[in-house]
Amino acid sequence: MSERNDFGRQSVINSYFALKTRLQAENVCMVDTTVRPRKETYLYDMDAVDEAIINAFVHNDWNISEPLFCMFDNRLEILSYGGMPYSQTKERFLQGISVPRNLALMRVFQDLEITEKTGHGTVKIISAYGKEVFDIQEGLIQVTIPFSKKVMKNRGTLNDTLSGTLKNDNLTDNELTLLSILLSNP
């Protein structure tokens, strides 16, 4: 683990907004300006990720633990505890039929217009990434959001370019220092 951020020890709503803001900031966009209209490709589909975050909060069994959000080099993993609610099946879940585990928390999210309790969140995730991103087991549900390979490849190209620039003798000491810092902590 190279970095850890704790969005707990505050209200669930504040935690949701802090996490969403952080993930929006991490969502790198590559732009192809050689075509019209220009084509933007993001590291991940933020609408689908937002739905997965909301689902993790409102469907989590908070008596077990808080949801877990882990960002890796090639994916985002969102883990909520408790598994399927009492009357839910995997098939109905994947169809987008909503059975909230925490009705009071769902109402708070609805009142703040964060969610509508329509069940479209799961459908949105599936339309962006497919059913295989869901790992449904007894006691937990994990959603694994893969990062865009195109964006990851281009990010590597940028780092390679900066690394090559460091070998350029025409840079000042300050420029070399700044590039070294950027490479070590983008």
C-alpha atoms as a PDB file:
ATOM      1  CA  MET A   1       0.000   0.000   0.000  1.00  0.00           C
ATOM      2  CA  SER A   2       1.553   3.276  -1.050  1.00  0.00           C
ATOM      3  CA  GLU A   3      -1.168   5.683   0.035  1.00  0.00           C
ATOM      4  CA  ARG A   4      -4.064   5.581   2.493  1.00  0.00           C
ATOM      5  CA  ASN A   5      -6.909   8.063   2.897  1.00  0.00           C
ATOM      6  CA  ASP A   6      -9.535   7.790   5.593  1.00  0.00           C
ATOM      7  CA  PHE A   7     -12.908   9.342   4.784  1.00  0.00           C
ATOM      8  CA  GLY A   8     -14.488   8.097   8.008  1.00  0.00           C
ATOM      9  CA  ARG A   9     -14.991   9.767  11.363  1.00  0.00           C
ATOM     10  CA  GLN A  10     -17.584  12.096   9.871  1.00  0.00           C
ATOM     11  CA  SER A  11     -21.161  11.820   8.682  1.00  0.00           C
ATOM     12  CA  VAL A  12     -21.873   9.227   5.995  1.00  0.00           C
ATOM     13  CA  ILE A  13     -22.982  12.015   3.659  1.00  0.00           C
ATOM     14  CA  ASN A  14     -19.736  13.958   4.148  1.00  0.00           C
ATOM     15  CA  SER A  15     -17.780  10.736   3.624  1.00  0.00           C
ATOM     16  CA  TYR A  16     -19.680  10.096   0.384  1.00  0.00           C
ATOM     17  CA  PHE A  17     -18.953  13.588  -0.969  1.00  0.00           C
ATOM     18  CA  ALA A  18     -15.274  13.466   0.105  1.00  0.00           C
ATOM     19  CA  LEU A  19     -14.785  10.076  -1.571  1.00  0.00           C
ATOM     20  CA  LYS A  20     -16.617  11.135  -4.730  1.00  0.00           C
ATOM     21  CA  THR A  21     -14.547  14.331  -4.964  1.00  0.00           C
ATOM     22  CA  ARG A  22     -11.315  12.356  -4.565  1.00  0.00           C
ATOM     23  CA  LEU A  23     -12.302   9.843  -7.244  1.00  0.00           C
ATOM     24  CA  GLN A  24     -13.325  12.647  -9.620  1.00  0.00           C
ATOM     25  CA  ALA A  25      -9.883  14.191  -9.132  1.00  0.00           C
ATOM     26  CA  GLU A  26      -8.187  10.849  -9.899  1.00  0.00           C
ATOM     27  CA  ASN A  27     -10.228  10.334 -13.094  1.00  0.00           C
ATOM     28  CA  VAL A  28      -7.638  11.290 -15.708  1.00  0.00           C
ATOM     29  CA  CYS A  29      -8.940  12.294 -19.141  1.00  0.00           C
ATOM     30  CA  MET A  30      -7.040  11.752 -22.392  1.00  0.00           C
ATOM     31  CA  VAL A  31      -8.166  13.964 -25.271  1.00  0.00           C
ATOM     32  CA  ASP A  32      -7.779  13.134 -28.963  1.00  0.00           C
ATOM     33  CA  THR A  33      -7.870  16.468 -30.785  1.00  0.00           C
ATOM     34  CA  THR A  34      -7.093  14.910 -34.184  1.00  0.00           C
ATOM     35  CA  VAL A  35     -10.779  14.107 -34.693  1.00  0.00           C
ATOM     36  CA  ARG A  36     -13.844  16.349 -34.728  1.00  0.00           C
ATOM     37  CA  PRO A  37     -15.564  16.502 -32.411  1.00  0.00           C
ATOM     38  CA  ARG A  38     -12.625  15.793 -30.133  1.00  0.00           C
ATOM     39  CA  LYS A  39     -12.740  12.439 -28.301  1.00  0.00           C
ATOM     40  CA  GLU A  40     -12.330  12.309 -24.534  1.00  0.00           C
ATOM     41  CA  THR A  41     -11.496   9.032 -22.815  1.00  0.00           C
ATOM     42  CA  TYR A  42     -11.539   8.862 -19.019  1.00  0.00           C
ATOM     43  CA  LEU A  43      -9.695   6.455 -16.751  1.00  0.00           C
ATOM     44  CA  TYR A  44     -13.117   5.174 -15.599  1.00  0.00           C
ATOM     45  CA  ASP A  45     -16.801   5.945 -16.119  1.00  0.00           C
ATOM     46  CA  MET A  46     -17.518   8.324 -13.220  1.00  0.00           C
ATOM     47  CA  ASP A  47     -21.305   7.861 -13.466  1.00  0.00           C
ATOM     48  CA  ALA A  48     -20.924   4.091 -13.018  1.00  0.00           C
ATOM     49  CA  VAL A  49     -18.378   4.574 -10.219  1.00  0.00           C
ATOM     50  CA  ASP A  50     -20.705   7.028  -8.462  1.00  0.00           C
ATOM     51  CA  GLU A  51     -23.520   4.458  -8.602  1.00  0.00           C
ATOM     52  CA  ALA A  52     -21.193   1.820  -7.140  1.00  0.00           C
ATOM     53  CA  ILE A  53     -20.220   4.203  -4.320  1.00  0.00           C
ATOM     54  CA  ILE A  54     -23.846   5.000  -3.526  1.00  0.00           C
ATOM     55  CA  ASN A  55     -24.767   1.304  -3.572  1.00  0.00           C
ATOM     56  CA  ALA A  56     -21.870   0.504  -1.247  1.00  0.00           C
ATOM     57  CA  PHE A  57     -23.088   3.089   1.250  1.00  0.00           C
ATOM     58  CA  VAL A  58     -26.830   2.376   1.227  1.00  0.00           C
ATOM     59  CA  HIS A  59     -26.647  -1.412   0.893  1.00  0.00           C
ATOM     60  CA  ASN A  60     -23.763  -2.001   3.306  1.00  0.00           C
ATOM     61  CA  ASP A  61     -24.287  -3.789   6.631  1.00  0.00           C
ATOM     62  CA  TRP A  62     -22.746  -1.164   8.922  1.00  0.00           C
ATOM     63  CA  ASN A  63     -22.893  -3.603  11.863  1.00  0.00           C
ATOM     64  CA  ILE A  64     -20.112  -5.607  10.174  1.00  0.00           C
ATOM     65  CA  SER A  65     -17.867  -2.815   8.873  1.00  0.00           C
ATOM     66  CA  GLU A  66     -17.849   0.290   6.722  1.00  0.00           C
ATOM     67  CA  PRO A  67     -17.534  -0.130   2.929  1.00  0.00           C
ATOM     68  CA  LEU A  68     -14.000  -0.374   1.576  1.00  0.00           C
ATOM     69  CA  PHE A  69     -12.728   1.496  -1.482  1.00  0.00           C
ATOM     70  CA  CYS A  70      -9.326   0.480  -2.884  1.00  0.00           C
ATOM     71  CA  MET A  71      -7.570   2.011  -5.889  1.00  0.00           C
ATOM     72  CA  PHE A  72      -4.910  -0.087  -7.593  1.00  0.00           C
ATOM     73  CA  ASP A  73      -2.728   0.612 -10.643  1.00  0.00           C
ATOM     74  CA  ASN A  74      -5.304  -0.897 -13.001  1.00  0.00           C
ATOM     75  CA  ARG A  75      -8.643  -0.949 -11.166  1.00  0.00           C
ATOM     76  CA  LEU A  76     -10.895   0.385  -8.438  1.00  0.00           C
ATOM     77  CA  GLU A  77     -12.400  -2.133  -6.005  1.00  0.00           C
ATOM     78  CA  ILE A  78     -15.501  -1.298  -3.977  1.00  0.00           C
ATOM     79  CA  LEU A  79     -16.449  -3.727  -1.246  1.00  0.00           C
ATOM     80  CA  SER A  80     -19.656  -3.613   0.780  1.00  0.00           C
ATOM     81  CA  TYR A  81     -20.458  -6.007   3.573  1.00  0.00           C
ATOM     82  CA  GLY A  82     -23.563  -8.029   4.286  1.00  0.00           C
ATOM     83  CA  GLY A  83     -24.087  -9.610   0.878  1.00  0.00           C
ATOM     84  CA  MET A  84     -27.553  -9.698  -0.608  1.00  0.00           C
ATOM     85  CA  PRO A  85     -30.401  -8.288   1.486  1.00  0.00           C
ATOM     86  CA  TYR A  86     -32.825 -10.847   2.929  1.00  0.00           C
ATOM     87  CA  SER A  87     -35.207 -11.169  -0.037  1.00  0.00           C
ATOM     88  CA  GLN A  88     -32.835 -10.366  -2.903  1.00  0.00           C
ATOM     89  CA  THR A  89     -31.450 -12.823  -5.457  1.00  0.00           C
ATOM     90  CA  LYS A  90     -28.411 -12.420  -7.678  1.00  0.00           C
ATOM     91  CA  GLU A  91     -30.573 -12.497 -10.802  1.00  0.00           C
ATOM     92  CA  ARG A  92     -32.911  -9.763  -9.527  1.00  0.00           C
ATOM     93  CA  PHE A  93     -29.936  -7.714  -8.329  1.00  0.00           C
ATOM     94  CA  LEU A  94     -28.319  -7.835 -11.796  1.00  0.00           C
ATOM     95  CA  GLN A  95     -31.659  -6.823 -13.364  1.00  0.00           C
ATOM     96  CA  GLY A  96     -31.584  -3.662 -11.267  1.00  0.00           C
ATOM     97  CA  ILE A  97     -34.336  -4.536  -8.815  1.00  0.00           C
ATOM     98  CA  SER A  98     -33.515  -2.530  -5.698  1.00  0.00           C
ATOM     99  CA  VAL A  99     -33.899  -3.969  -2.190  1.00  0.00           C
ATOM    100  CA  PRO A 100     -32.250  -1.416   0.109  1.00  0.00           C
ATOM    101  CA  ARG A 101     -30.661  -2.806   3.240  1.00  0.00           C
ATOM    102  CA  ASN A 102     -30.745   0.577   5.023  1.00  0.00           C
ATOM    103  CA  LEU A 103     -34.108   2.252   4.349  1.00  0.00           C
ATOM    104  CA  ALA A 104     -33.405   5.244   6.605  1.00  0.00           C
ATOM    105  CA  LEU A 105     -30.033   5.880   4.944  1.00  0.00           C
ATOM    106  CA  MET A 106     -31.638   5.426   1.514  1.00  0.00           C
ATOM    107  CA  ARG A 107     -34.231   8.074   2.421  1.00  0.00           C
ATOM    108  CA  VAL A 108     -31.486  10.502   3.466  1.00  0.00           C
ATOM    109  CA  PHE A 109     -29.691   9.944   0.136  1.00  0.00           C
ATOM    110  CA  GLN A 110     -33.028  10.450  -1.667  1.00  0.00           C
ATOM    111  CA  ASP A 111     -33.845  13.632   0.268  1.00  0.00           C
ATOM    112  CA  LEU A 112     -30.449  15.037  -0.732  1.00  0.00           C
ATOM    113  CA  GLU A 113     -31.161  13.984  -4.351  1.00  0.00           C
ATOM    114  CA  ILE A 114     -28.095  11.742  -4.438  1.00  0.00           C
ATOM    115  CA  THR A 115     -30.172   8.707  -5.428  1.00  0.00           C
ATOM    116  CA  GLU A 116     -33.702   7.888  -6.567  1.00  0.00           C
ATOM    117  CA  LYS A 117     -34.141   4.261  -5.399  1.00  0.00           C
ATOM    118  CA  THR A 118     -34.949   3.159  -8.924  1.00  0.00           C
ATOM    119  CA  GLY A 119     -32.417   0.336  -9.169  1.00  0.00           C
ATOM    120  CA  HIS A 120     -30.820   1.873 -12.244  1.00  0.00           C
ATOM    121  CA  GLY A 121     -27.388   2.055 -10.569  1.00  0.00           C
ATOM    122  CA  THR A 122     -26.619  -1.625 -11.089  1.00  0.00           C
ATOM    123  CA  VAL A 123     -27.890  -1.420 -14.675  1.00  0.00           C
ATOM    124  CA  LYS A 124     -25.659   1.628 -15.317  1.00  0.00           C
ATOM    125  CA  ILE A 125     -22.609  -0.217 -13.963  1.00  0.00           C
ATOM    126  CA  ILE A 126     -23.414  -3.290 -16.074  1.00  0.00           C
ATOM    127  CA  SER A 127     -23.930  -1.209 -19.229  1.00  0.00           C
ATOM    128  CA  ALA A 128     -20.504   0.407 -18.720  1.00  0.00           C
ATOM    129  CA  TYR A 129     -18.528  -2.665 -17.596  1.00  0.00           C
ATOM    130  CA  GLY A 130     -20.595  -5.869 -17.822  1.00  0.00           C
ATOM    131  CA  LYS A 131     -21.930  -8.239 -15.169  1.00  0.00           C
ATOM    132  CA  GLU A 132     -18.491  -9.728 -14.539  1.00  0.00           C
ATOM    133  CA  VAL A 133     -17.451  -6.676 -12.464  1.00  0.00           C
ATOM    134  CA  PHE A 134     -19.721  -7.946  -9.671  1.00  0.00           C
ATOM    135  CA  ASP A 135     -18.404 -10.586  -7.277  1.00  0.00           C
ATOM    136  CA  ILE A 136     -21.370 -11.555  -5.106  1.00  0.00           C
ATOM    137  CA  GLN A 137     -20.604 -13.838  -2.201  1.00  0.00           C
ATOM    138  CA  GLU A 138     -22.262 -14.656   1.075  1.00  0.00           C
ATOM    139  CA  GLY A 139     -21.559 -11.691   3.303  1.00  0.00           C
ATOM    140  CA  LEU A 140     -20.106  -9.301   0.725  1.00  0.00           C
ATOM    141  CA  ILE A 141     -20.473  -7.705  -2.677  1.00  0.00           C
ATOM    142  CA  GLN A 142     -17.400  -6.479  -4.527  1.00  0.00           C
ATOM    143  CA  VAL A 143     -17.449  -4.299  -7.635  1.00  0.00           C
ATOM    144  CA  THR A 144     -14.194  -4.153  -9.605  1.00  0.00           C
ATOM    145  CA  ILE A 145     -14.003  -1.220 -12.023  1.00  0.00           C
ATOM    146  CA  PRO A 146     -11.196  -1.731 -14.552  1.00  0.00           C
ATOM    147  CA  PHE A 147      -9.292   1.317 -15.737  1.00  0.00           C
ATOM    148  CA  SER A 148      -9.226   2.265 -19.418  1.00  0.00           C
ATOM    149  CA  LYS A 149      -6.198   0.561 -20.972  1.00  0.00           C
ATOM    150  CA  LYS A 150      -5.874   3.392 -23.469  1.00  0.00           C
ATOM    151  CA  VAL A 151      -5.644   6.005 -20.722  1.00  0.00           C
ATOM    152  CA  MET A 152      -3.234   3.885 -18.667  1.00  0.00           C
ATOM    153  CA  LYS A 153      -1.021   3.384 -21.738  1.00  0.00           C
ATOM    154  CA  ASN A 154      -0.954   7.108 -22.458  1.00  0.00           C
ATOM    155  CA  ARG A 155      -0.200   7.886 -18.796  1.00  0.00           C
ATOM    156  CA  GLY A 156       2.816   5.594 -19.086  1.00  0.00           C
ATOM    157  CA  THR A 157       3.861   7.395 -22.267  1.00  0.00           C
ATOM    158  CA  LEU A 158       3.737  10.739 -20.438  1.00  0.00           C
ATOM    159  CA  ASN A 159       5.912   9.390 -17.610  1.00  0.00           C
ATOM    160  CA  ASP A 160       8.327   7.888 -20.159  1.00  0.00           C
ATOM    161  CA  THR A 161       8.492  11.253 -21.937  1.00  0.00           C
ATOM    162  CA  LEU A 162       9.225  13.069 -18.680  1.00  0.00           C
ATOM    163  CA  SER A 163      11.875  10.475 -17.789  1.00  0.00           C
ATOM    164  CA  GLY A 164      13.518  11.041 -21.153  1.00  0.00           C
ATOM    165  CA  THR A 165      13.377  14.779 -20.588  1.00  0.00           C
ATOM    166  CA  LEU A 166      15.373  14.361 -17.387  1.00  0.00           C
ATOM    167  CA  LYS A 167      18.275  13.148 -19.514  1.00  0.00           C
ATOM    168  CA  ASN A 168      18.172  16.336 -21.569  1.00  0.00           C
ATOM    169  CA  ASP A 169      21.256  18.465 -20.852  1.00  0.00           C
ATOM    170  CA  ASN A 170      19.441  21.692 -21.796  1.00  0.00           C
ATOM    171  CA  LEU A 171      17.380  21.815 -18.577  1.00  0.00           C
ATOM    172  CA  THR A 172      18.280  23.952 -15.587  1.00  0.00           C
ATOM    173  CA  ASP A 173      18.817  22.416 -12.174  1.00  0.00           C
ATOM    174  CA  ASN A 174      15.443  23.796 -11.015  1.00  0.00           C
ATOM    175  CA  GLU A 175      13.675  22.262 -14.028  1.00  0.00           C
ATOM    176  CA  LEU A 176      15.334  18.899 -13.406  1.00  0.00           C
ATOM    177  CA  THR A 177      14.357  19.016  -9.713  1.00  0.00           C
ATOM    178  CA  LEU A 178      10.732  19.875 -10.567  1.00  0.00           C
ATOM    179  CA  LEU A 179      10.484  17.069 -13.135  1.00  0.00           C
ATOM    180  CA  SER A 180      11.977  14.582 -10.660  1.00  0.00           C
ATOM    181  CA  ILE A 181       9.363  15.560  -8.063  1.00  0.00           C
ATOM    182  CA  LEU A 182       6.550  15.247 -10.595  1.00  0.00           C
ATOM    183  CA  LEU A 183       7.750  11.815 -11.680  1.00  0.00           C
ATOM    184  CA  SER A 184       7.983  10.515  -8.142  1.00  0.00           C
ATOM    185  CA  ASN A 185       4.630  11.993  -7.046  1.00  0.00           C
ATOM    186  CA  PRO A 186       2.372  12.809 -10.005  1.00  0.00           C
END
